[in-house]
Amino acid sequence: MKKLFVMMLICAMMLSMAACGGDTSGGSDTGGNGTTVVEPAKDGEITLSTDQIAVVVHEKKVNMPYNLAELEAAGVPVMEGLGDTELASGDSFGPNLYLDEAEEHMLIPSYYNEGDETITLAEAEARTISMVSYASEPADQGISLLGVTLGMTKGDAKALLGDPMSDDGSYCMWQIAVADADYVGNLSIYFTSDADDAGASEVRLDFMQW
């Protein structure tokens, strides 16, 4: 009888762990291929933790504030000397980090100097990051924001993220709540048309502090 009780207790613990999924912080985790797995939006809002606000580059996660050296280490091409670019107090700069030889696909972190002293781009922080494609048919470059890649169809994006807060046909926007910090944000996606199979041509993740 004692052995039976112990086995029942172990089974109950295993079921409890599976239900919790090991993460109580909110809406997403990292999948086996490095992409971010997002819990679908509720009423257009996705809930994340600060550790889940990241760009995934070739299966390597780079968290906000998207340090330039960390992006380069993950595999994003960075022009030599770019990190030495100076930002005076109050200045902002969004470098185009080209992802292909044709320079049709790019990653753009928007760096901003909130301090009083001049800093370099290597020292700057960003709370906004975008993937943009000028190609007629945007293609996945091995980089994703909340699991969304360039070229992903509108239908697949909505299946992944849930219904957006706003859907204007070729543009969708999801509001983002951050469970463990005073941030609010949104994920916006532009598509090549309003068709369900239209590809994502711009994916933008944008946060601000309260």
Protein backbone atom coordinates (compact mmCIF):
# COMPACT_ATOMS: atom_id res chain seq x y z
CA MET A 1 0.00 0.00 0.00
CA LYS A 2 2.85 2.37 0.86
CA LYS A 3 4.52 1.72 -2.52
CA LEU A 4 1.23 2.40 -4.31
CA PHE A 5 0.85 5.71 -2.44
CA VAL A 6 4.40 6.77 -3.37
CA MET A 7 3.82 5.94 -7.04
CA MET A 8 0.58 7.93 -7.05
CA LEU A 9 2.36 10.90 -5.46
CA ILE A 10 5.16 10.81 -8.07
CA CYS A 11 2.63 10.68 -10.92
CA ALA A 12 0.74 13.65 -9.46
CA MET A 13 3.97 15.68 -9.23
CA MET A 14 4.91 14.87 -12.84
CA LEU A 15 1.47 15.90 -14.09
CA SER A 16 1.71 19.15 -12.11
CA MET A 17 5.14 19.96 -13.62
CA ALA A 18 3.87 19.26 -17.14
CA ALA A 19 0.89 21.55 -16.63
CA CYS A 20 3.08 24.38 -15.36
CA GLY A 21 5.58 23.96 -18.16
CA GLY A 22 8.35 25.19 -15.89
CA ASP A 23 7.57 28.86 -16.62
CA THR A 24 5.24 31.07 -14.61
CA SER A 25 6.46 34.41 -15.89
CA GLY A 26 4.04 34.84 -18.79
CA GLY A 27 3.60 34.12 -22.43
CA SER A 28 6.55 32.54 -24.22
CA ASP A 29 9.53 30.23 -24.16
CA THR A 30 12.34 29.29 -26.50
CA GLY A 31 11.72 26.36 -28.82
CA GLY A 32 14.18 23.63 -29.71
CA ASN A 33 15.30 25.46 -32.85
CA GLY A 34 15.92 28.69 -30.93
CA THR A 35 12.74 30.42 -32.06
CA THR A 36 10.50 32.07 -29.50
CA VAL A 37 7.28 30.18 -28.78
CA VAL A 38 4.54 32.67 -27.94
CA GLU A 39 1.36 31.97 -26.03
CA PRO A 40 -1.43 33.32 -28.27
CA ALA A 41 -2.76 36.78 -27.54
CA LYS A 42 -5.82 37.33 -25.39
CA ASP A 43 -7.97 40.18 -26.70
CA GLY A 44 -5.05 41.26 -28.87
CA GLU A 45 -2.52 41.35 -26.00
CA ILE A 46 0.55 39.11 -25.59
CA THR A 47 2.12 38.74 -22.14
CA LEU A 48 5.91 38.31 -21.88
CA SER A 49 8.69 38.54 -19.33
CA THR A 50 11.74 40.76 -19.90
CA ASP A 51 13.85 37.66 -20.61
CA GLN A 52 11.52 36.81 -23.48
CA ILE A 53 11.84 40.18 -25.22
CA ALA A 54 14.49 39.07 -27.66
CA VAL A 55 15.56 38.71 -31.26
CA VAL A 56 16.63 35.18 -32.19
CA VAL A 57 19.55 35.12 -34.63
CA HIS A 58 20.41 31.70 -36.07
CA GLU A 59 19.11 30.02 -32.89
CA LYS A 60 20.98 32.47 -30.60
CA LYS A 61 18.87 34.77 -28.43
CA VAL A 62 19.84 38.43 -28.00
CA ASN A 63 17.74 40.19 -25.38
CA MET A 64 16.71 43.81 -25.27
CA PRO A 65 18.58 46.27 -25.22
CA TYR A 66 20.07 44.51 -28.30
CA ASN A 67 23.76 45.30 -27.72
CA LEU A 68 25.56 45.71 -31.05
CA ALA A 69 28.44 43.39 -30.10
CA GLU A 70 25.99 40.70 -29.01
CA LEU A 71 24.11 40.94 -32.30
CA GLU A 72 27.39 40.59 -34.19
CA ALA A 73 28.45 37.62 -32.05
CA ALA A 74 25.12 35.94 -32.85
CA GLY A 75 25.81 36.27 -36.58
CA VAL A 76 24.38 39.62 -37.67
CA PRO A 77 26.81 41.32 -40.12
CA VAL A 78 28.09 44.59 -38.62
CA MET A 79 30.19 47.03 -40.63
CA GLU A 80 33.70 47.48 -39.25
CA GLY A 81 33.98 50.53 -37.02
CA LEU A 82 30.21 50.99 -36.66
CA GLY A 83 30.41 50.53 -32.91
CA ASP A 84 32.67 53.60 -32.66
CA THR A 85 29.91 55.90 -33.97
CA GLU A 86 29.18 58.51 -31.32
CA LEU A 87 25.79 59.51 -29.97
CA ALA A 88 25.50 62.82 -28.14
CA SER A 89 22.98 63.20 -25.34
CA GLY A 90 19.47 62.80 -26.73
CA ASP A 91 20.68 61.46 -30.10
CA SER A 92 19.26 58.32 -31.73
CA PHE A 93 20.50 56.18 -34.60
CA GLY A 94 19.13 53.07 -36.29
CA PRO A 95 21.89 51.40 -38.34
CA ASN A 96 20.87 49.19 -41.26
CA LEU A 97 22.47 45.81 -40.55
CA TYR A 98 22.17 44.09 -43.92
CA LEU A 99 21.41 40.39 -43.81
CA ASP A 100 21.99 39.46 -47.47
CA GLU A 101 24.41 40.37 -50.24
CA ALA A 102 21.69 42.14 -52.25
CA GLU A 103 21.01 44.35 -49.19
CA GLU A 104 17.27 43.72 -49.53
CA HIS A 105 16.81 42.37 -45.99
CA MET A 106 18.03 44.14 -42.86
CA LEU A 107 17.84 44.25 -39.09
CA ILE A 108 17.51 47.73 -37.56
CA PRO A 109 18.00 48.26 -33.80
CA SER A 110 17.06 51.82 -32.82
CA TYR A 111 19.73 53.02 -30.39
CA TYR A 112 19.18 56.04 -28.16
CA ASN A 113 21.39 57.96 -25.74
CA GLU A 114 19.32 58.81 -22.67
CA GLY A 115 22.32 60.00 -20.65
CA ASP A 116 24.03 63.34 -20.36
CA GLU A 117 27.39 62.25 -21.79
CA THR A 118 28.35 61.25 -25.33
CA ILE A 119 28.56 57.49 -25.81
CA THR A 120 29.46 55.15 -28.66
CA LEU A 121 27.00 52.97 -30.51
CA ALA A 122 28.66 49.97 -28.86
CA GLU A 123 27.54 51.37 -25.49
CA ALA A 124 24.06 52.40 -26.57
CA GLU A 125 20.80 50.61 -25.83
CA ALA A 126 17.70 50.03 -27.92
CA ARG A 127 14.12 49.32 -26.95
CA THR A 128 12.97 49.13 -30.57
CA ILE A 129 14.14 46.67 -33.19
CA SER A 130 12.86 46.00 -36.70
CA MET A 131 13.35 43.50 -39.50
CA VAL A 132 12.71 45.03 -42.92
CA SER A 133 12.70 43.66 -46.46
CA TYR A 134 12.62 45.64 -49.70
CA ALA A 135 12.36 42.45 -51.78
CA SER A 136 9.19 41.79 -53.76
CA GLU A 137 9.08 38.40 -52.03
CA PRO A 138 10.56 38.74 -48.52
CA ALA A 139 12.51 35.69 -47.39
CA ASP A 140 13.40 34.23 -44.01
CA GLN A 141 16.95 35.25 -43.05
CA GLY A 142 17.22 32.96 -40.03
CA ILE A 143 16.14 35.77 -37.69
CA SER A 144 12.86 36.06 -35.80
CA LEU A 145 10.99 38.34 -33.41
CA LEU A 146 8.57 36.44 -31.17
CA GLY A 147 8.76 33.60 -33.68
CA VAL A 148 7.89 35.79 -36.68
CA THR A 149 10.30 35.84 -39.63
CA LEU A 150 10.48 37.95 -42.76
CA GLY A 151 8.35 36.29 -45.42
CA MET A 152 6.05 34.55 -42.92
CA THR A 153 2.50 34.65 -44.25
CA LYS A 154 -0.20 36.68 -42.58
CA GLY A 155 -2.17 33.50 -41.93
CA ASP A 156 0.78 31.79 -40.24
CA ALA A 157 1.58 34.88 -38.13
CA LYS A 158 -2.00 35.09 -36.84
CA ALA A 159 -2.04 31.35 -36.16
CA LEU A 160 1.17 31.75 -34.14
CA LEU A 161 0.31 34.94 -32.24
CA GLY A 162 -3.47 34.85 -32.04
CA ASP A 163 -5.81 37.57 -33.21
CA PRO A 164 -4.18 41.03 -33.25
CA MET A 165 -5.40 44.15 -31.47
CA SER A 166 -5.59 45.85 -34.87
CA ASP A 167 -5.88 44.39 -38.38
CA ASP A 168 -6.00 46.79 -41.30
CA GLY A 169 -5.44 44.20 -43.99
CA SER A 170 -1.77 44.60 -44.84
CA TYR A 171 -0.92 45.73 -41.28
CA CYS A 172 -1.43 43.96 -37.95
CA MET A 173 -0.54 45.06 -34.41
CA TRP A 174 -0.44 43.16 -31.13
CA GLN A 175 -0.16 44.94 -27.78
CA ILE A 176 2.42 43.52 -25.36
CA ALA A 177 2.26 43.46 -21.57
CA VAL A 178 5.48 42.81 -19.63
CA ALA A 179 4.85 40.78 -16.50
CA ASP A 180 8.00 41.64 -14.54
CA ALA A 181 8.89 45.24 -15.49
CA ASP A 182 7.35 48.66 -16.09
CA TYR A 183 7.31 48.32 -19.87
CA VAL A 184 4.51 48.43 -22.40
CA GLY A 185 5.00 47.63 -26.03
CA ASN A 186 3.68 46.36 -29.30
CA LEU A 187 4.56 44.06 -32.14
CA SER A 188 3.61 45.38 -35.57
CA ILE A 189 3.83 43.55 -38.89
CA TYR A 190 3.45 44.93 -42.41
CA PHE A 191 2.61 42.46 -45.17
CA THR A 192 3.08 42.72 -48.93
CA SER A 193 -0.72 42.76 -49.37
CA ASP A 194 -3.89 42.09 -47.43
CA ALA A 195 -4.08 38.48 -48.66
CA ASP A 196 -3.84 35.65 -46.13
CA ASP A 197 -0.75 34.28 -47.92
CA ALA A 198 1.03 37.66 -48.16
CA GLY A 199 4.54 37.67 -46.69
CA ALA A 200 5.78 39.85 -43.83
CA SER A 201 7.91 42.71 -45.19
CA GLU A 202 8.47 44.51 -41.85
CA VAL A 203 8.36 43.21 -38.29
CA ARG A 204 8.81 45.76 -35.51
CA LEU A 205 9.08 45.23 -31.76
CA ASP A 206 8.79 48.45 -29.78
CA PHE A 207 8.84 49.12 -26.01
CA MET A 208 8.68 52.11 -23.71
CA GLN A 209 8.88 52.49 -19.94
CA TRP A 210 5.97 53.81 -17.94
